[in-house]
Amino acid sequence: DAEEVVILVSGYNKASALKNVVENGINHMWTVSALQLHPKSMIVCDDNSTMELMVGTVKYFKDIEKESLDNFPEV
C-alpha cells in the first residue's frame, strides 16, 4: 500500500540476495523481488553488494543513473 518504497542494500554479504531480487523474476523465496511490480520502488546499493550481479546489469543501471552518480560526493 506504500506510495514509494526504498530498499538499502549494503555489503558483500547481501550480494546474493541482490542478484536474486534484481536479475531473477518475482519469487516467494525473495519477497522483496515483488518490488519489480511496484510503480515507485528503488533499490539503493553500494558497489560491494553488486559483486554477484552480471556485469551488464551493473553497467546498465550505472548508465541510466550516470548524471546522479556524477553529482554524488565520494565518501
Protein backbone atom coordinates (compact mmCIF):
# COMPACT_ATOMS: atom_id res chain seq x y z
CA ASP A 1 0.00 0.00 0.00
CA ALA A 2 3.04 2.30 0.18
CA GLU A 3 3.21 5.05 -2.41
CA GLU A 4 7.01 4.79 -2.59
CA VAL A 5 9.47 2.16 -1.37
CA VAL A 6 13.25 2.41 -0.94
CA ILE A 7 15.41 -0.59 -0.08
CA LEU A 8 19.02 -0.10 1.07
CA VAL A 9 21.45 -2.93 0.29
CA SER A 10 24.96 -2.72 1.68
CA GLY A 11 27.93 -5.06 1.74
CA TYR A 12 29.13 -8.20 0.00
CA ASN A 13 27.10 -10.39 2.37
CA LYS A 14 23.95 -9.09 0.63
CA ALA A 15 25.26 -9.66 -2.93
CA SER A 16 23.46 -12.97 -3.41
CA ALA A 17 20.15 -11.52 -2.25
CA LEU A 18 20.52 -8.50 -4.56
CA LYS A 19 21.29 -10.78 -7.51
CA ASN A 20 18.15 -12.84 -6.90
CA VAL A 21 15.97 -9.78 -6.41
CA VAL A 22 17.20 -7.84 -9.47
CA GLU A 23 18.14 -10.45 -12.05
CA ASN A 24 15.57 -13.16 -11.40
CA GLY A 25 11.80 -12.97 -11.63
CA ILE A 26 9.43 -12.49 -8.75
CA ASN A 27 9.83 -15.35 -6.31
CA HIS A 28 8.33 -16.17 -2.91
CA MET A 29 11.84 -17.07 -1.66
CA TRP A 30 12.89 -13.45 -2.23
CA THR A 31 9.81 -11.49 -1.20
CA VAL A 32 11.46 -8.13 -1.88
CA SER A 33 11.51 -9.17 -5.56
CA ALA A 34 7.83 -8.15 -5.60
CA LEU A 35 9.13 -4.57 -5.84
CA GLN A 36 9.61 -5.27 -9.54
CA LEU A 37 5.85 -4.67 -9.80
CA HIS A 38 5.76 -1.52 -7.69
CA PRO A 39 5.45 1.70 -9.75
CA LYS A 40 7.68 3.75 -7.40
CA SER A 41 10.32 1.48 -5.93
CA MET A 42 14.05 2.00 -5.70
CA ILE A 43 16.96 -0.14 -4.57
CA VAL A 44 19.99 1.80 -3.37
CA CYS A 45 23.14 -0.31 -3.14
CA ASP A 46 26.88 0.00 -2.73
CA ASP A 47 29.47 -1.49 -5.07
CA ASN A 48 30.21 -4.42 -2.74
CA SER A 49 26.60 -5.60 -2.85
CA THR A 50 26.70 -5.69 -6.66
CA MET A 51 29.63 -8.14 -6.81
CA GLU A 52 27.44 -11.10 -7.87
CA LEU A 53 25.39 -9.21 -10.47
CA MET A 54 26.16 -9.73 -14.14
CA VAL A 55 28.47 -7.02 -15.47
CA GLY A 56 25.80 -5.95 -17.97
CA THR A 57 23.30 -5.37 -15.18
CA VAL A 58 25.68 -3.12 -13.26
CA LYS A 59 26.68 -1.18 -16.39
CA TYR A 60 23.03 -0.72 -17.38
CA PHE A 61 21.96 0.76 -14.06
CA LYS A 62 25.10 2.89 -13.70
CA ASP A 63 24.50 4.25 -17.20
CA ILE A 64 20.88 5.28 -16.56
CA GLU A 65 21.93 6.89 -13.25
CA LYS A 66 25.16 8.42 -14.59
CA GLU A 67 24.15 12.03 -14.01
CA SER A 68 23.09 11.35 -10.42
CA LEU A 69 26.25 9.35 -9.70
CA ASP A 70 28.50 12.09 -11.12
CA ASN A 71 26.95 14.61 -8.72
CA PHE A 72 27.18 12.31 -5.70
CA PRO A 73 30.03 13.17 -3.29
CA GLU A 74 32.66 10.49 -2.67
CA VAL A 75 32.97 9.19 0.89
